[in-house]
Amino acid sequence: MSSAAGASDLHVVLGAGGAVGRTVVDELHSRGRRVRAVNRSGALTVPDGVEVRRGDITTTDGARAACAGAAVVYHCAAPAYTAWVSEFPRMTDAIRGGAAAAGAKLVFADNLFAYGPVSAPMTEDMPSAASNPKGRVRAAMARSLLAAHEAGELRVAIGRASDYYGPRGVGTTVGENVFGAAVRGKVARWVGPLDQPHSFSYLPDFAKGLVLLGEDARADGQVWHIPTAEPLTGRRFLDLVFAEVGGPDKSASVSRTMQRVLGLVNPTVRALGETWYQHDRPFVVDSTKFTETFGPLPATPHAEAIASTVAWFRAANA
């Protein structure tokens, strides 16, 4: 394995207050790395030895200060879901500049929106064919970062995950809607039909993959799908959740019609309409390229991952 670090050994995690960023902090700390965790408030509970820094990474100066001295920068930050189009590109441009000024490698925690509707398992060589605004923004940011790599501005690697779940994963389609509701004895609401296979990324697995990309020069200049466990239908996922919760299966699916109605009063639910194709047909990720390049990165079995996630939601709701 080729290390990304030069004279510095500092790993900087931006967006460390979010589920992905905070999990990356844990993964780096578990490997004995020197870590700086950055978020807007500077209020974070982190393992001993992790530096916490307050920073506004949406500005050029703020991003430069946050990235100063880094060998690797993990871009795990994101604006509110409804503000992606207006705020995400500017934030990412500032982060790119901050990482470049530090002479650091930049690892971008991305998702699968850029591909748009697909009819086969998603691979990294698929075109960025999304026509919806959020997908176009994701595609444009990836193109911009890879172009900066090609131009020699900085080293870049992009790691993509599907919908994620895990400890701290509250802001996803299966976060509060499924895990949070189930542990409270409420109705767990699944977005879309229950019979379509769907790939899910477990947060600790995604973090492991991102750190590998940060520390291996073979990742540079490319997009990578981080390995996941096998795809599950909504029905099977819910069965595993309620088997772990130990209560009666109180669940329902959110239909397209219901999504439209709820979206009249909830902007986040309304935004789901742009990417309904991720729910009403197979949505499966292929990570063969990653495995063939770096070797196996065993994904946590769903039953084990769901048990850890249920335990976290129970503690958070205690």
Protein backbone atom coordinates (compact mmCIF):
# COMPACT_ATOMS: atom_id res chain seq x y z
CA MET A 1 0.00 0.00 0.00
CA SER A 2 1.22 3.46 -0.90
CA SER A 3 0.65 6.16 1.68
CA ALA A 4 -0.84 9.52 0.75
CA ALA A 5 0.99 11.27 3.55
CA GLY A 6 4.11 13.26 2.87
CA ALA A 7 5.84 15.31 5.55
CA SER A 8 2.55 15.61 7.45
CA ASP A 9 0.65 12.76 9.05
CA LEU A 10 -2.50 14.74 9.85
CA HIS A 11 -5.90 13.53 8.64
CA VAL A 12 -8.57 16.28 8.58
CA VAL A 13 -12.25 15.36 8.57
CA LEU A 14 -14.59 18.09 7.38
CA GLY A 15 -18.24 17.75 8.34
CA ALA A 16 -17.20 15.77 11.41
CA GLY A 17 -20.48 16.51 13.13
CA GLY A 18 -22.41 14.49 10.55
CA ALA A 19 -22.92 10.74 10.48
CA VAL A 20 -20.34 10.03 7.77
CA GLY A 21 -17.70 12.42 9.06
CA ARG A 22 -18.01 11.32 12.66
CA THR A 23 -17.68 7.67 11.63
CA VAL A 24 -14.56 8.49 9.59
CA VAL A 25 -13.10 10.16 12.70
CA ASP A 26 -13.67 6.92 14.63
CA GLU A 27 -12.09 4.81 11.88
CA LEU A 28 -9.00 7.00 11.68
CA HIS A 29 -8.63 7.07 15.46
CA SER A 30 -8.93 3.27 15.63
CA ARG A 31 -5.98 3.08 13.22
CA GLY A 32 -3.86 5.33 15.39
CA ARG A 33 -3.89 8.27 12.97
CA ARG A 34 -3.51 11.90 14.00
CA VAL A 35 -6.95 13.43 13.44
CA ARG A 36 -8.49 16.87 13.30
CA ALA A 37 -12.30 16.92 13.37
CA VAL A 38 -13.88 20.08 11.95
CA ASN A 39 -17.47 21.25 12.10
CA ARG A 40 -19.28 24.57 12.18
CA SER A 41 -19.91 24.71 15.93
CA GLY A 42 -16.72 23.17 17.27
CA ALA A 43 -18.89 21.19 19.69
CA LEU A 44 -18.09 17.50 19.23
CA THR A 45 -17.67 14.48 21.43
CA VAL A 46 -14.68 12.61 20.02
CA PRO A 47 -12.17 10.01 21.21
CA ASP A 48 -9.26 11.18 23.34
CA GLY A 49 -6.45 12.63 21.27
CA VAL A 50 -8.61 13.92 18.42
CA GLU A 51 -8.27 17.65 17.79
CA VAL A 52 -11.59 19.46 17.44
CA ARG A 53 -11.72 22.68 15.47
CA ARG A 54 -14.54 25.07 14.69
CA GLY A 55 -14.58 26.19 11.08
CA ASP A 56 -16.74 27.63 8.34
CA ILE A 57 -15.62 25.59 5.35
CA THR A 58 -18.00 27.36 2.99
CA THR A 59 -15.52 30.23 2.73
CA THR A 60 -12.07 30.22 1.17
CA ASP A 61 -10.36 31.43 4.33
CA GLY A 62 -12.31 29.07 6.55
CA ALA A 63 -11.53 26.04 4.40
CA ARG A 64 -7.85 26.93 4.25
CA ALA A 65 -7.65 27.24 8.02
CA ALA A 66 -9.48 23.95 8.53
CA CYS A 67 -7.18 22.07 6.12
CA ALA A 68 -3.90 23.66 7.19
CA GLY A 69 -1.16 21.11 7.79
CA ALA A 70 -3.16 18.16 6.46
CA ALA A 71 -1.83 15.18 4.53
CA VAL A 72 -5.34 13.94 3.72
CA VAL A 73 -8.64 15.84 3.85
CA TYR A 74 -11.94 13.95 3.97
CA HIS A 75 -14.80 15.99 2.51
CA CYS A 76 -17.76 14.59 4.43
CA ALA A 77 -19.62 17.89 4.71
CA ALA A 78 -22.92 18.70 3.06
CA PRO A 79 -25.48 21.49 3.24
CA ALA A 80 -29.12 20.74 4.00
CA TYR A 81 -30.65 18.35 1.46
CA THR A 82 -32.93 21.04 0.12
CA ALA A 83 -29.96 23.42 -0.36
CA TRP A 84 -27.67 21.15 -2.38
CA VAL A 85 -28.14 23.02 -5.65
CA SER A 86 -27.55 26.48 -4.20
CA GLU A 87 -24.82 25.73 -1.64
CA PHE A 88 -22.99 22.45 -2.33
CA PRO A 89 -20.81 23.51 -5.31
CA ARG A 90 -19.53 26.62 -3.57
CA MET A 91 -18.69 24.65 -0.43
CA THR A 92 -16.85 21.99 -2.43
CA ASP A 93 -14.90 24.61 -4.38
CA ALA A 94 -13.77 26.18 -1.10
CA ILE A 95 -12.74 22.78 0.29
CA ARG A 96 -10.83 21.93 -2.88
CA GLY A 97 -8.92 25.19 -2.54
CA GLY A 98 -8.21 24.58 1.13
CA ALA A 99 -6.88 21.07 0.51
CA ALA A 100 -4.77 22.27 -2.41
CA ALA A 101 -3.27 25.07 -0.33
CA ALA A 102 -2.26 22.51 2.29
CA GLY A 103 -0.74 20.21 -0.32
CA ALA A 104 -3.17 17.54 0.88
CA LYS A 105 -4.97 14.73 -0.87
CA LEU A 106 -8.75 15.19 -0.96
CA VAL A 107 -11.17 12.29 -0.48
CA PHE A 108 -14.78 13.14 -1.34
CA ALA A 109 -17.57 11.16 0.32
CA ASP A 110 -20.02 10.95 -2.57
CA ASN A 111 -23.22 9.08 -3.37
CA LEU A 112 -24.86 7.53 -6.44
CA PHE A 113 -27.10 10.41 -7.52
CA ALA A 114 -24.95 11.32 -10.53
CA TYR A 115 -25.93 8.23 -12.52
CA GLY A 116 -29.64 8.99 -12.73
CA PRO A 117 -32.10 6.17 -13.55
CA VAL A 118 -30.33 2.88 -14.28
CA SER A 119 -31.42 -0.52 -15.57
CA ALA A 120 -28.42 -2.54 -14.34
CA PRO A 121 -26.09 -2.64 -11.32
CA MET A 122 -24.17 0.63 -11.09
CA THR A 123 -20.49 0.64 -12.03
CA GLU A 124 -18.03 3.51 -11.98
CA ASP A 125 -17.82 3.71 -15.77
CA MET A 126 -21.52 4.49 -16.19
CA PRO A 127 -22.26 7.95 -17.58
CA SER A 128 -23.34 10.73 -15.24
CA ALA A 129 -26.80 10.83 -16.78
CA ALA A 130 -28.87 12.36 -13.98
CA SER A 131 -31.32 14.97 -15.21
CA ASN A 132 -32.65 16.05 -11.80
CA PRO A 133 -31.03 19.07 -10.11
CA LYS A 134 -29.45 17.18 -7.19
CA GLY A 135 -28.00 14.54 -9.48
CA ARG A 136 -26.60 17.16 -11.83
CA VAL A 137 -24.96 18.96 -8.90
CA ARG A 138 -23.34 15.74 -7.70
CA ALA A 139 -22.09 14.96 -11.21
CA ALA A 140 -20.71 18.47 -11.68
CA MET A 141 -18.82 18.41 -8.38
CA ALA A 142 -17.24 15.05 -9.21
CA ARG A 143 -16.20 16.32 -12.66
CA SER A 144 -14.71 19.47 -11.15
CA LEU A 145 -12.71 17.56 -8.56
CA LEU A 146 -11.38 15.04 -11.08
CA ALA A 147 -10.47 17.88 -13.45
CA ALA A 148 -8.51 19.53 -10.64
CA HIS A 149 -6.66 16.26 -10.14
CA GLU A 150 -5.86 15.99 -13.84
CA ALA A 151 -4.63 19.58 -13.86
CA GLY A 152 -2.23 18.82 -11.02
CA GLU A 153 -3.97 21.16 -8.57
CA LEU A 154 -4.24 18.40 -5.93
CA ARG A 155 -4.72 14.67 -5.58
CA VAL A 156 -8.34 13.53 -5.47
CA ALA A 157 -10.17 10.27 -4.84
CA ILE A 158 -13.96 9.90 -4.78
CA GLY A 159 -15.71 7.19 -2.75
CA ARG A 160 -19.38 6.54 -3.40
CA ALA A 161 -21.96 4.95 -1.11
CA SER A 162 -25.55 3.97 -1.57
CA ASP A 163 -28.21 4.95 0.99
CA TYR A 164 -26.50 4.44 4.33
CA TYR A 165 -27.52 3.34 7.77
CA GLY A 166 -25.73 2.76 11.04
CA PRO A 167 -25.06 4.46 14.38
CA ARG A 168 -25.71 8.23 14.08
CA GLY A 169 -27.43 7.72 10.71
CA VAL A 170 -30.58 9.69 11.47
CA GLY A 171 -30.91 11.77 8.31
CA THR A 172 -31.44 9.00 5.76
CA THR A 173 -34.49 7.29 4.28
CA VAL A 174 -34.09 4.44 6.78
CA GLY A 175 -32.90 6.53 9.74
CA GLU A 176 -35.65 8.07 11.82
CA ASN A 177 -38.29 6.77 9.39
CA VAL A 178 -37.38 3.13 10.02
CA PHE A 179 -34.96 2.63 12.92
CA GLY A 180 -36.14 5.57 15.00
CA ALA A 181 -39.79 4.67 14.56
CA ALA A 182 -39.26 0.96 15.20
CA VAL A 183 -37.45 1.41 18.52
CA ARG A 184 -40.22 3.79 19.68
CA GLY A 185 -42.96 1.34 18.76
CA LYS A 186 -44.21 3.58 15.96
CA VAL A 187 -44.93 2.70 12.34
CA ALA A 188 -41.72 2.31 10.34
CA ARG A 189 -42.27 3.88 6.93
CA TRP A 190 -40.39 2.52 3.94
CA VAL A 191 -39.95 4.86 0.97
CA GLY A 192 -41.22 3.11 -2.17
CA PRO A 193 -42.33 -0.45 -2.91
CA LEU A 194 -41.25 -3.23 -0.58
CA ASP A 195 -40.27 -5.74 -3.27
CA GLN A 196 -37.36 -4.01 -5.02
CA PRO A 197 -33.72 -4.97 -4.27
CA HIS A 198 -31.69 -2.08 -2.90
CA SER A 199 -28.04 -1.75 -1.91
CA PHE A 200 -27.37 -0.18 1.47
CA SER A 201 -24.07 1.09 2.83
CA TYR A 202 -23.28 0.53 6.50
CA LEU A 203 -21.59 3.64 7.86
CA PRO A 204 -18.53 1.94 9.44
CA ASP A 205 -17.92 0.03 6.18
CA PHE A 206 -18.14 3.26 4.17
CA ALA A 207 -15.68 4.92 6.57
CA LYS A 208 -13.20 2.06 6.20
CA GLY A 209 -13.38 2.39 2.43
CA LEU A 210 -12.87 6.15 2.48
CA VAL A 211 -9.82 5.87 4.71
CA LEU A 212 -8.38 3.21 2.44
CA LEU A 213 -8.82 5.60 -0.51
CA GLY A 214 -7.10 8.32 1.50
CA GLU A 215 -4.08 6.18 2.24
CA ASP A 216 -3.56 4.36 -1.05
CA ALA A 217 -2.17 6.22 -4.06
CA ARG A 218 -3.82 3.74 -6.44
CA ALA A 219 -7.12 5.45 -5.63
CA ASP A 220 -5.98 8.81 -6.99
CA GLY A 221 -7.90 10.44 -9.81
CA GLN A 222 -10.75 7.95 -9.82
CA VAL A 223 -14.27 7.19 -8.57
CA TRP A 224 -14.75 4.12 -6.39
CA HIS A 225 -17.82 2.28 -5.14
CA ILE A 226 -17.23 1.22 -1.55
CA PRO A 227 -18.28 -2.43 -1.06
CA THR A 228 -21.65 -3.16 0.53
CA ALA A 229 -23.40 -6.27 1.78
CA GLU A 230 -25.85 -7.92 -0.60
CA PRO A 231 -28.88 -5.90 -1.74
CA LEU A 232 -32.10 -6.40 0.19
CA THR A 233 -35.74 -5.73 -0.56
CA GLY A 234 -37.56 -3.36 1.73
CA ARG A 235 -39.57 -6.25 3.10
CA ARG A 236 -36.44 -8.21 4.05
CA PHE A 237 -34.77 -5.15 5.56
CA LEU A 238 -37.82 -4.46 7.73
CA ASP A 239 -37.99 -8.12 8.77
CA LEU A 240 -34.41 -7.89 10.05
CA VAL A 241 -35.11 -4.62 11.87
CA PHE A 242 -38.18 -5.94 13.68
CA ALA A 243 -36.49 -9.24 14.47
CA GLU A 244 -33.83 -7.22 16.26
CA VAL A 245 -36.28 -4.82 17.91
CA GLY A 246 -38.31 -7.79 19.15
CA GLY A 247 -41.68 -6.10 18.78
CA PRO A 248 -44.55 -6.53 16.36
CA ASP A 249 -43.91 -5.55 12.74
CA LYS A 250 -45.54 -2.15 12.48
CA SER A 251 -44.54 -0.91 9.04
CA ALA A 252 -45.92 0.63 5.90
CA SER A 253 -44.62 1.71 2.52
CA VAL A 254 -44.79 5.29 1.31
CA SER A 255 -46.28 5.26 -2.19
CA ARG A 256 -45.55 7.82 -4.87
CA THR A 257 -48.99 9.32 -4.32
CA MET A 258 -48.41 9.61 -0.58
CA GLN A 259 -44.99 11.15 -1.19
CA ARG A 260 -46.57 13.82 -3.39
CA VAL A 261 -49.20 14.62 -0.76
CA LEU A 262 -46.72 14.76 2.12
CA GLY A 263 -44.38 16.81 -0.05
CA LEU A 264 -46.92 19.62 -0.17
CA VAL A 265 -45.99 20.49 3.43
CA ASN A 266 -42.54 18.91 3.81
CA PRO A 267 -39.75 20.15 1.50
CA THR A 268 -37.49 17.17 2.24
CA VAL A 269 -40.21 14.67 1.35
CA ARG A 270 -41.05 16.74 -1.72
CA ALA A 271 -37.43 16.48 -2.86
CA LEU A 272 -37.67 12.66 -2.83
CA GLY A 273 -39.77 12.93 -5.96
CA GLU A 274 -36.67 13.89 -7.97
CA THR A 275 -35.07 10.54 -7.25
CA TRP A 276 -38.08 8.23 -6.99
CA TYR A 277 -36.34 5.97 -9.50
CA GLN A 278 -33.99 4.99 -6.67
CA HIS A 279 -36.92 3.35 -4.89
CA ASP A 280 -39.37 1.96 -7.45
CA ARG A 281 -36.94 -0.39 -9.25
CA PRO A 282 -33.72 -2.29 -8.48
CA PHE A 283 -31.02 0.04 -7.15
CA VAL A 284 -27.89 -2.04 -6.86
CA VAL A 285 -24.23 -1.03 -6.61
CA ASP A 286 -21.35 -3.01 -8.12
CA SER A 287 -18.00 -2.61 -6.29
CA THR A 288 -15.99 -5.09 -8.36
CA LYS A 289 -13.49 -2.42 -9.39
CA PHE A 290 -12.70 -1.62 -5.75
CA THR A 291 -12.26 -5.27 -4.76
CA GLU A 292 -10.12 -6.15 -7.77
CA THR A 293 -7.82 -3.18 -7.09
CA PHE A 294 -7.47 -3.19 -3.30
CA GLY A 295 -8.55 -6.71 -2.37
CA PRO A 296 -11.54 -7.70 -0.26
CA LEU A 297 -13.06 -5.17 2.11
CA PRO A 298 -15.59 -7.47 3.78
CA ALA A 299 -18.90 -5.72 4.30
CA THR A 300 -20.59 -6.17 7.66
CA PRO A 301 -23.51 -8.63 7.36
CA HIS A 302 -26.86 -6.84 7.46
CA ALA A 303 -28.05 -8.68 10.57
CA GLU A 304 -24.97 -7.55 12.52
CA ALA A 305 -25.11 -4.01 11.12
CA ILE A 306 -28.82 -3.69 11.88
CA ALA A 307 -28.26 -4.92 15.44
CA SER A 308 -25.63 -2.20 16.01
CA THR A 309 -27.90 0.41 14.48
CA VAL A 310 -30.90 -0.61 16.60
CA ALA A 311 -28.74 -0.49 19.73
CA TRP A 312 -27.61 3.06 18.89
CA PHE A 313 -31.16 4.29 18.20
CA ARG A 314 -32.36 2.70 21.43
CA ALA A 315 -29.68 4.50 23.41
CA ALA A 316 -30.42 7.77 21.61
CA ASN A 317 -34.11 7.46 22.42
CA ALA A 318 -33.64 6.35 26.03
